[in-house]
Amino acid sequence: MPQLSDENTFMKRAIELARHGMNNNFGGPFGAVVVNNGKIVGEGYNEVTSRKDPTAHAEVIAIRNACKELGTFDLSGCVIFCSCEPCPMCLGAIYWARIDIIYYSANRQNAAKGGFDDEFIFAEFGTSPQQRKVKCFQLIPDQGTTLFTEWIHKPDRTSY
């Protein structure tokens, strides 16, 4: 595992952000920082309840801020420090952003004890769409498929 000279400092900052957001009633006890070349380029804390936005997780906000700071949607070469093991949504965002390494402090079992039980969502990914708690139905698949054909042939597309 690559070592960063300031990895504990970055983790402490993520925890500090989590505490700030929690103590100011912005949302749950979660904070995150994205680091590039030893410098914080994006920070975030959970703002789900204050923004009334279920996607306003610390990691997502930190990723958005890092992308804005660096002027890119590709965070290859970056590292993220999270006060807690990322939930399924945040883990997906981290993968989509192409972040190289995730460091976290508390784990998902700690989060479950605090009332944030992500195990249900992790388990849902292993079931077929027809067996999930949130019902899934495919409609007019030919039209949806056509979009991808158009995308493949779009000469000015930006792949990601």
N, C-alpha and C. Protein backbone atom coordinates (compact mmCIF):
# COMPACT_ATOMS: atom_id res chain seq x y z
N MET A 1 0.84 -1.17 0.00
CA MET A 1 0.00 0.00 0.00
C MET A 1 0.89 1.24 0.00
N PRO A 2 0.66 2.17 -0.93
CA PRO A 2 1.46 3.39 -0.95
C PRO A 2 1.27 4.17 0.34
N GLN A 3 2.33 4.78 0.82
CA GLN A 3 2.27 5.55 2.05
C GLN A 3 2.31 7.05 1.73
N LEU A 4 1.42 7.78 2.37
CA LEU A 4 1.44 9.23 2.27
C LEU A 4 1.99 9.75 3.59
N SER A 5 2.86 10.70 3.52
CA SER A 5 3.48 11.20 4.75
C SER A 5 2.47 11.82 5.68
N ASP A 6 1.38 12.32 5.13
CA ASP A 6 0.39 13.00 5.95
C ASP A 6 -0.93 12.23 6.04
N GLU A 7 -0.91 10.90 5.86
CA GLU A 7 -2.18 10.18 5.83
C GLU A 7 -2.99 10.35 7.10
N ASN A 8 -2.36 10.35 8.28
CA ASN A 8 -3.11 10.56 9.51
C ASN A 8 -3.68 11.97 9.59
N THR A 9 -2.94 12.93 9.08
CA THR A 9 -3.42 14.32 9.07
C THR A 9 -4.66 14.43 8.18
N PHE A 10 -4.63 13.79 7.02
CA PHE A 10 -5.78 13.83 6.12
C PHE A 10 -6.99 13.13 6.75
N MET A 11 -6.75 11.99 7.42
CA MET A 11 -7.85 11.29 8.08
C MET A 11 -8.41 12.13 9.22
N LYS A 12 -7.54 12.76 9.97
CA LYS A 12 -8.01 13.63 11.06
C LYS A 12 -8.86 14.77 10.51
N ARG A 13 -8.49 15.28 9.33
CA ARG A 13 -9.29 16.35 8.71
C ARG A 13 -10.68 15.81 8.32
N ALA A 14 -10.74 14.61 7.77
CA ALA A 14 -12.03 14.01 7.42
C ALA A 14 -12.89 13.86 8.68
N ILE A 15 -12.29 13.42 9.77
CA ILE A 15 -13.02 13.25 11.03
C ILE A 15 -13.46 14.60 11.58
N GLU A 16 -12.59 15.59 11.46
CA GLU A 16 -12.94 16.96 11.89
C GLU A 16 -14.14 17.48 11.11
N LEU A 17 -14.14 17.26 9.80
CA LEU A 17 -15.27 17.68 8.97
C LEU A 17 -16.55 16.95 9.38
N ALA A 18 -16.43 15.66 9.66
CA ALA A 18 -17.59 14.87 10.09
C ALA A 18 -18.17 15.45 11.38
N ARG A 19 -17.30 15.72 12.32
CA ARG A 19 -17.74 16.28 13.61
C ARG A 19 -18.39 17.65 13.40
N HIS A 20 -17.81 18.48 12.55
CA HIS A 20 -18.37 19.81 12.26
C HIS A 20 -19.79 19.68 11.69
N GLY A 21 -19.94 18.84 10.68
CA GLY A 21 -21.25 18.67 10.08
C GLY A 21 -22.27 18.12 11.06
N MET A 22 -21.86 17.15 11.85
CA MET A 22 -22.74 16.53 12.83
C MET A 22 -23.14 17.55 13.91
N ASN A 23 -22.15 18.24 14.47
CA ASN A 23 -22.43 19.18 15.57
C ASN A 23 -23.23 20.40 15.13
N ASN A 24 -23.20 20.72 13.84
CA ASN A 24 -23.97 21.85 13.32
C ASN A 24 -25.26 21.41 12.64
N ASN A 25 -25.61 20.15 12.83
CA ASN A 25 -26.87 19.59 12.33
C ASN A 25 -27.03 19.68 10.82
N PHE A 26 -25.91 19.54 10.10
CA PHE A 26 -25.99 19.47 8.64
C PHE A 26 -26.40 18.08 8.18
N GLY A 27 -26.01 17.07 8.96
CA GLY A 27 -26.32 15.68 8.61
C GLY A 27 -25.61 14.74 9.55
N GLY A 28 -25.42 13.52 9.10
CA GLY A 28 -24.79 12.48 9.91
C GLY A 28 -23.31 12.69 10.10
N PRO A 29 -22.69 11.81 10.90
CA PRO A 29 -21.28 11.96 11.27
C PRO A 29 -20.30 11.44 10.23
N PHE A 30 -20.29 12.10 9.07
CA PHE A 30 -19.44 11.64 7.97
C PHE A 30 -18.69 12.82 7.36
N GLY A 31 -17.40 12.60 7.10
CA GLY A 31 -16.58 13.61 6.45
C GLY A 31 -15.63 12.94 5.48
N ALA A 32 -15.16 13.70 4.49
CA ALA A 32 -14.25 13.13 3.49
C ALA A 32 -13.37 14.22 2.90
N VAL A 33 -12.16 13.83 2.53
CA VAL A 33 -11.26 14.72 1.79
C VAL A 33 -10.64 13.95 0.63
N VAL A 34 -10.52 14.63 -0.49
CA VAL A 34 -9.84 14.08 -1.66
C VAL A 34 -8.48 14.76 -1.75
N VAL A 35 -7.45 13.95 -1.92
CA VAL A 35 -6.08 14.44 -1.93
C VAL A 35 -5.43 14.11 -3.28
N ASN A 36 -4.72 15.10 -3.82
CA ASN A 36 -3.97 14.93 -5.06
C ASN A 36 -2.57 15.47 -4.84
N ASN A 37 -1.57 14.63 -5.07
CA ASN A 37 -0.18 15.04 -4.89
C ASN A 37 0.08 15.67 -3.52
N GLY A 38 -0.48 15.06 -2.48
CA GLY A 38 -0.22 15.53 -1.13
C GLY A 38 -0.98 16.76 -0.70
N LYS A 39 -1.94 17.22 -1.53
CA LYS A 39 -2.71 18.43 -1.23
C LYS A 39 -4.20 18.12 -1.26
N ILE A 40 -4.94 18.64 -0.28
CA ILE A 40 -6.39 18.47 -0.29
C ILE A 40 -6.97 19.31 -1.42
N VAL A 41 -7.72 18.65 -2.30
CA VAL A 41 -8.35 19.35 -3.43
C VAL A 41 -9.87 19.35 -3.33
N GLY A 42 -10.42 18.59 -2.38
CA GLY A 42 -11.86 18.57 -2.19
C GLY A 42 -12.20 18.09 -0.80
N GLU A 43 -13.16 18.76 -0.17
CA GLU A 43 -13.62 18.38 1.15
C GLU A 43 -15.14 18.29 1.15
N GLY A 44 -15.66 17.54 2.11
CA GLY A 44 -17.10 17.49 2.27
C GLY A 44 -17.49 16.85 3.59
N TYR A 45 -18.66 17.22 4.06
CA TYR A 45 -19.27 16.55 5.20
C TYR A 45 -20.71 16.27 4.83
N ASN A 46 -21.32 15.36 5.54
CA ASN A 46 -22.68 14.94 5.23
C ASN A 46 -23.64 16.12 5.40
N GLU A 47 -24.45 16.36 4.37
CA GLU A 47 -25.43 17.43 4.39
C GLU A 47 -26.82 16.93 3.98
N VAL A 48 -27.07 15.66 4.21
CA VAL A 48 -28.33 15.05 3.77
C VAL A 48 -29.53 15.78 4.36
N THR A 49 -29.55 15.98 5.66
CA THR A 49 -30.74 16.56 6.28
C THR A 49 -30.84 18.07 6.05
N SER A 50 -29.73 18.77 6.04
CA SER A 50 -29.79 20.23 5.85
C SER A 50 -30.14 20.60 4.42
N ARG A 51 -29.66 19.83 3.46
CA ARG A 51 -29.99 20.10 2.05
C ARG A 51 -31.27 19.40 1.61
N LYS A 52 -31.73 18.50 2.48
CA LYS A 52 -32.89 17.66 2.11
C LYS A 52 -32.59 16.94 0.80
N ASP A 53 -31.39 16.35 0.76
CA ASP A 53 -30.88 15.68 -0.43
C ASP A 53 -30.22 14.37 -0.01
N PRO A 54 -30.83 13.23 -0.31
CA PRO A 54 -30.26 11.94 0.11
C PRO A 54 -28.93 11.61 -0.53
N THR A 55 -28.52 12.36 -1.55
CA THR A 55 -27.22 12.11 -2.19
C THR A 55 -26.12 13.01 -1.66
N ALA A 56 -26.43 13.87 -0.70
CA ALA A 56 -25.45 14.84 -0.20
C ALA A 56 -24.55 14.21 0.87
N HIS A 57 -23.95 13.08 0.50
CA HIS A 57 -23.00 12.40 1.39
C HIS A 57 -21.65 13.09 1.30
N ALA A 58 -20.87 12.95 2.36
CA ALA A 58 -19.57 13.61 2.43
C ALA A 58 -18.68 13.28 1.24
N GLU A 59 -18.62 12.00 0.88
CA GLU A 59 -17.74 11.58 -0.21
C GLU A 59 -18.17 12.20 -1.54
N VAL A 60 -19.46 12.23 -1.79
CA VAL A 60 -19.97 12.80 -3.04
C VAL A 60 -19.65 14.29 -3.11
N ILE A 61 -19.85 14.99 -2.01
CA ILE A 61 -19.55 16.42 -1.98
C ILE A 61 -18.05 16.66 -2.16
N ALA A 62 -17.23 15.85 -1.48
CA ALA A 62 -15.77 16.00 -1.63
C ALA A 62 -15.35 15.73 -3.08
N ILE A 63 -15.93 14.73 -3.71
CA ILE A 63 -15.61 14.41 -5.10
C ILE A 63 -16.02 15.57 -6.02
N ARG A 64 -17.21 16.09 -5.81
CA ARG A 64 -17.67 17.22 -6.63
C ARG A 64 -16.73 18.41 -6.48
N ASN A 65 -16.33 18.69 -5.24
CA ASN A 65 -15.42 19.82 -5.01
C ASN A 65 -14.05 19.58 -5.63
N ALA A 66 -13.56 18.35 -5.55
CA ALA A 66 -12.26 18.03 -6.16
C ALA A 66 -12.33 18.16 -7.68
N CYS A 67 -13.39 17.69 -8.27
CA CYS A 67 -13.54 17.80 -9.73
C CYS A 67 -13.58 19.26 -10.15
N LYS A 68 -14.29 20.06 -9.38
CA LYS A 68 -14.35 21.50 -9.70
C LYS A 68 -12.97 22.13 -9.56
N GLU A 69 -12.28 21.80 -8.49
CA GLU A 69 -10.94 22.37 -8.24
C GLU A 69 -9.95 21.98 -9.33
N LEU A 70 -10.00 20.71 -9.75
CA LEU A 70 -9.03 20.21 -10.74
C LEU A 70 -9.51 20.38 -12.18
N GLY A 71 -10.78 20.74 -12.36
CA GLY A 71 -11.30 20.94 -13.70
C GLY A 71 -11.43 19.67 -14.51
N THR A 72 -11.81 18.58 -13.84
CA THR A 72 -11.92 17.29 -14.53
C THR A 72 -12.94 16.40 -13.82
N PHE A 73 -13.44 15.41 -14.54
CA PHE A 73 -14.30 14.41 -13.92
C PHE A 73 -13.52 13.14 -13.59
N ASP A 74 -12.27 13.10 -13.98
CA ASP A 74 -11.41 11.93 -13.78
C ASP A 74 -10.40 12.23 -12.68
N LEU A 75 -10.59 11.61 -11.53
CA LEU A 75 -9.71 11.85 -10.38
C LEU A 75 -8.64 10.77 -10.23
N SER A 76 -8.22 10.19 -11.36
CA SER A 76 -7.12 9.23 -11.32
C SER A 76 -5.92 9.91 -10.67
N GLY A 77 -5.23 9.15 -9.83
CA GLY A 77 -4.09 9.69 -9.11
C GLY A 77 -4.46 10.30 -7.77
N CYS A 78 -5.75 10.42 -7.50
CA CYS A 78 -6.20 10.97 -6.23
C CYS A 78 -6.47 9.87 -5.22
N VAL A 79 -6.53 10.27 -3.97
CA VAL A 79 -6.80 9.40 -2.84
C VAL A 79 -7.94 10.04 -2.07
N ILE A 80 -8.82 9.23 -1.48
CA ILE A 80 -9.89 9.78 -0.66
C ILE A 80 -9.78 9.24 0.76
N PHE A 81 -9.97 10.13 1.71
CA PHE A 81 -9.97 9.79 3.14
C PHE A 81 -11.38 10.01 3.64
N CYS A 82 -11.98 8.97 4.21
CA CYS A 82 -13.36 9.01 4.66
C CYS A 82 -13.42 8.68 6.14
N SER A 83 -14.22 9.41 6.87
CA SER A 83 -14.34 9.15 8.30
C SER A 83 -14.97 7.79 8.56
N CYS A 84 -15.67 7.26 7.57
CA CYS A 84 -16.31 5.94 7.69
C CYS A 84 -16.22 5.22 6.35
N GLU A 85 -16.21 3.92 6.40
CA GLU A 85 -16.22 3.10 5.18
C GLU A 85 -17.36 3.57 4.28
N PRO A 86 -17.09 3.84 3.02
CA PRO A 86 -18.13 4.38 2.14
C PRO A 86 -19.32 3.45 1.94
N CYS A 87 -20.50 4.07 1.88
CA CYS A 87 -21.73 3.34 1.59
C CYS A 87 -21.72 2.93 0.12
N PRO A 88 -22.68 2.13 -0.31
CA PRO A 88 -22.70 1.69 -1.72
C PRO A 88 -22.74 2.85 -2.72
N MET A 89 -23.52 3.89 -2.44
CA MET A 89 -23.60 5.01 -3.37
C MET A 89 -22.24 5.71 -3.48
N CYS A 90 -21.63 5.97 -2.34
CA CYS A 90 -20.34 6.66 -2.34
C CYS A 90 -19.25 5.80 -2.95
N LEU A 91 -19.30 4.51 -2.68
CA LEU A 91 -18.32 3.60 -3.28
C LEU A 91 -18.45 3.64 -4.79
N GLY A 92 -19.68 3.66 -5.29
CA GLY A 92 -19.89 3.78 -6.73
C GLY A 92 -19.34 5.09 -7.27
N ALA A 93 -19.57 6.19 -6.55
CA ALA A 93 -19.06 7.49 -6.99
C ALA A 93 -17.53 7.50 -7.01
N ILE A 94 -16.93 6.86 -6.02
CA ILE A 94 -15.47 6.79 -5.96
C ILE A 94 -14.93 6.01 -7.17
N TYR A 95 -15.59 4.91 -7.51
CA TYR A 95 -15.17 4.15 -8.68
C TYR A 95 -15.38 4.95 -9.96
N TRP A 96 -16.52 5.63 -10.09
CA TRP A 96 -16.78 6.43 -11.29
C TRP A 96 -15.75 7.55 -11.42
N ALA A 97 -15.30 8.10 -10.30
CA ALA A 97 -14.31 9.17 -10.32
C ALA A 97 -12.89 8.65 -10.58
N ARG A 98 -12.73 7.34 -10.52
CA ARG A 98 -11.44 6.69 -10.74
C ARG A 98 -10.39 7.04 -9.68
N ILE A 99 -10.85 7.25 -8.47
CA ILE A 99 -9.92 7.50 -7.36
C ILE A 99 -9.14 6.22 -7.10
N ASP A 100 -7.85 6.37 -6.83
CA ASP A 100 -6.96 5.21 -6.72
C ASP A 100 -7.05 4.45 -5.40
N ILE A 101 -7.18 5.17 -4.30
CA ILE A 101 -7.11 4.53 -2.98
C ILE A 101 -8.17 5.14 -2.07
N ILE A 102 -8.78 4.29 -1.25
CA ILE A 102 -9.73 4.72 -0.22
C ILE A 102 -9.11 4.39 1.13
N TYR A 103 -9.05 5.40 2.00
CA TYR A 103 -8.71 5.18 3.40
C TYR A 103 -9.96 5.51 4.20
N TYR A 104 -10.28 4.71 5.21
CA TYR A 104 -11.43 5.02 6.06
C TYR A 104 -11.09 4.73 7.51
N SER A 105 -11.84 5.37 8.40
CA SER A 105 -11.61 5.20 9.83
C SER A 105 -12.62 4.20 10.40
N ALA A 106 -13.85 4.63 10.68
CA ALA A 106 -14.88 3.71 11.18
C ALA A 106 -15.29 2.77 10.06
N ASN A 107 -15.80 1.59 10.42
CA ASN A 107 -16.26 0.65 9.39
C ASN A 107 -17.78 0.59 9.34
N ARG A 108 -18.30 -0.20 8.42
CA ARG A 108 -19.76 -0.25 8.24
C ARG A 108 -20.48 -0.82 9.45
N GLN A 109 -19.81 -1.65 10.23
CA GLN A 109 -20.42 -2.18 11.45
C GLN A 109 -20.58 -1.05 12.48
N ASN A 110 -19.59 -0.17 12.57
CA ASN A 110 -19.71 1.00 13.45
C ASN A 110 -20.88 1.87 13.00
N ALA A 111 -20.99 2.07 11.70
CA ALA A 111 -22.09 2.88 11.16
C ALA A 111 -23.44 2.25 11.48
N ALA A 112 -23.53 0.93 11.37
CA ALA A 112 -24.80 0.24 11.67
C ALA A 112 -25.20 0.47 13.12
N LYS A 113 -24.23 0.45 14.02
CA LYS A 113 -24.54 0.70 15.44
C LYS A 113 -25.06 2.12 15.63
N GLY A 114 -24.67 3.04 14.75
CA GLY A 114 -25.14 4.42 14.81
C GLY A 114 -26.44 4.64 14.05
N GLY A 115 -27.03 3.57 13.53
CA GLY A 115 -28.30 3.69 12.82
C GLY A 115 -28.18 3.81 11.31
N PHE A 116 -26.98 3.63 10.77
CA PHE A 116 -26.75 3.73 9.32
C PHE A 116 -26.40 2.34 8.80
N ASP A 117 -27.41 1.55 8.52
CA ASP A 117 -27.18 0.16 8.14
C ASP A 117 -27.18 0.01 6.63
N ASP A 118 -25.98 0.05 6.05
CA ASP A 118 -25.83 -0.06 4.60
C ASP A 118 -25.83 -1.51 4.11
N GLU A 119 -25.76 -2.46 5.02
CA GLU A 119 -25.70 -3.87 4.63
C GLU A 119 -26.88 -4.25 3.74
N PHE A 120 -28.05 -3.68 4.02
CA PHE A 120 -29.23 -3.97 3.20
C PHE A 120 -28.98 -3.60 1.74
N ILE A 121 -28.42 -2.42 1.52
CA ILE A 121 -28.17 -1.97 0.14
C ILE A 121 -27.07 -2.80 -0.51
N PHE A 122 -26.00 -3.08 0.25
CA PHE A 122 -24.95 -3.95 -0.30
C PHE A 122 -25.55 -5.29 -0.73
N ALA A 123 -26.44 -5.86 0.08
CA ALA A 123 -27.06 -7.15 -0.24
C ALA A 123 -27.97 -7.05 -1.47
N GLU A 124 -28.66 -5.94 -1.63
CA GLU A 124 -29.55 -5.76 -2.77
C GLU A 124 -28.82 -5.87 -4.10
N PHE A 125 -27.56 -5.46 -4.14
CA PHE A 125 -26.80 -5.53 -5.38
C PHE A 125 -26.60 -6.96 -5.85
N GLY A 126 -26.68 -7.91 -4.93
CA GLY A 126 -26.49 -9.30 -5.28
C GLY A 126 -27.75 -10.00 -5.76
N THR A 127 -28.87 -9.29 -5.78
CA THR A 127 -30.13 -9.90 -6.22
C THR A 127 -30.51 -9.41 -7.61
N SER A 128 -31.35 -10.15 -8.27
CA SER A 128 -31.81 -9.72 -9.60
C SER A 128 -32.78 -8.55 -9.43
N PRO A 129 -32.91 -7.72 -10.46
CA PRO A 129 -33.83 -6.58 -10.35
C PRO A 129 -35.24 -6.97 -9.92
N GLN A 130 -35.71 -8.13 -10.34
CA GLN A 130 -37.06 -8.57 -10.00
C GLN A 130 -37.21 -8.97 -8.54
N GLN A 131 -36.10 -9.24 -7.85
CA GLN A 131 -36.15 -9.70 -6.46
C GLN A 131 -35.84 -8.58 -5.46
N ARG A 132 -35.54 -7.40 -5.92
CA ARG A 132 -35.16 -6.31 -5.02
C ARG A 132 -36.38 -5.73 -4.30
N LYS A 133 -36.12 -5.15 -3.14
CA LYS A 133 -37.19 -4.53 -2.37
C LYS A 133 -37.84 -3.39 -3.15
N VAL A 134 -37.03 -2.56 -3.80
CA VAL A 134 -37.56 -1.53 -4.69
C VAL A 134 -37.79 -2.22 -6.03
N LYS A 135 -39.03 -2.33 -6.42
CA LYS A 135 -39.38 -3.07 -7.64
C LYS A 135 -38.80 -2.39 -8.88
N CYS A 136 -38.31 -3.20 -9.80
CA CYS A 136 -37.70 -2.72 -11.04
C CYS A 136 -38.44 -3.34 -12.22
N PHE A 137 -38.78 -2.50 -13.18
CA PHE A 137 -39.47 -2.97 -14.38
C PHE A 137 -38.81 -2.35 -15.61
N GLN A 138 -38.53 -3.15 -16.59
CA GLN A 138 -37.93 -2.65 -17.83
C GLN A 138 -39.05 -2.30 -18.80
N LEU A 139 -39.01 -1.11 -19.36
CA LEU A 139 -40.01 -0.65 -20.32
C LEU A 139 -39.32 -0.19 -21.60
N ILE A 140 -39.96 -0.40 -22.71
CA ILE A 140 -39.50 -0.05 -24.06
C ILE A 140 -37.97 -0.16 -24.22
N PRO A 141 -37.44 -1.37 -23.99
CA PRO A 141 -35.99 -1.55 -24.05
C PRO A 141 -35.38 -1.21 -25.40
N ASP A 142 -36.13 -1.36 -26.47
CA ASP A 142 -35.57 -1.06 -27.79
C ASP A 142 -35.21 0.42 -27.90
N GLN A 143 -36.03 1.29 -27.33
CA GLN A 143 -35.73 2.72 -27.40
C GLN A 143 -34.54 3.09 -26.52
N GLY A 144 -34.45 2.48 -25.35
CA GLY A 144 -33.29 2.72 -24.49
C GLY A 144 -32.02 2.21 -25.13
N THR A 145 -32.10 1.05 -25.76
CA THR A 145 -30.94 0.47 -26.43
C THR A 145 -30.48 1.35 -27.59
N THR A 146 -31.43 1.95 -28.29
CA THR A 146 -31.10 2.84 -29.40
C THR A 146 -30.21 3.99 -28.95
N LEU A 147 -30.44 4.49 -27.73
CA LEU A 147 -29.59 5.58 -27.22
C LEU A 147 -28.12 5.18 -27.20
N PHE A 148 -27.85 3.93 -26.82
CA PHE A 148 -26.46 3.49 -26.76
C PHE A 148 -25.86 3.31 -28.15
N THR A 149 -26.68 2.92 -29.10
CA THR A 149 -26.21 2.85 -30.49
C THR A 149 -25.84 4.25 -30.97
N GLU A 150 -26.71 5.21 -30.66
CA GLU A 150 -26.43 6.60 -31.04
C GLU A 150 -25.15 7.10 -30.35
N TRP A 151 -24.98 6.74 -29.08
CA TRP A 151 -23.79 7.15 -28.33
C TRP A 151 -22.52 6.60 -28.97
N ILE A 152 -22.55 5.33 -29.33
CA ILE A 152 -21.39 4.69 -29.94
C ILE A 152 -20.97 5.41 -31.22
N HIS A 153 -21.95 5.90 -31.98
CA HIS A 153 -21.66 6.54 -33.27
C HIS A 153 -21.53 8.06 -33.17
N LYS A 154 -21.65 8.61 -31.99
CA LYS A 154 -21.54 10.06 -31.80
C LYS A 154 -20.08 10.46 -31.93
N PRO A 155 -19.71 11.21 -32.95
CA PRO A 155 -18.29 11.51 -33.21
C PRO A 155 -17.66 12.44 -32.17
N ASP A 156 -18.44 13.26 -31.51
CA ASP A 156 -17.86 14.23 -30.57
C ASP A 156 -18.13 13.86 -29.11
N ARG A 157 -18.35 12.58 -28.83
CA ARG A 157 -18.62 12.18 -27.45
C ARG A 157 -17.35 12.24 -26.62
N THR A 158 -17.54 12.47 -25.34
CA THR A 158 -16.44 12.41 -24.38
C THR A 158 -16.64 11.15 -23.56
N SER A 159 -15.82 10.16 -23.78
CA SER A 159 -15.96 8.90 -23.06
C SER A 159 -15.51 9.06 -21.62
N TYR A 160 -16.14 8.29 -20.77
CA TYR A 160 -15.74 8.32 -19.35
C TYR A 160 -15.94 7.00 -18.68
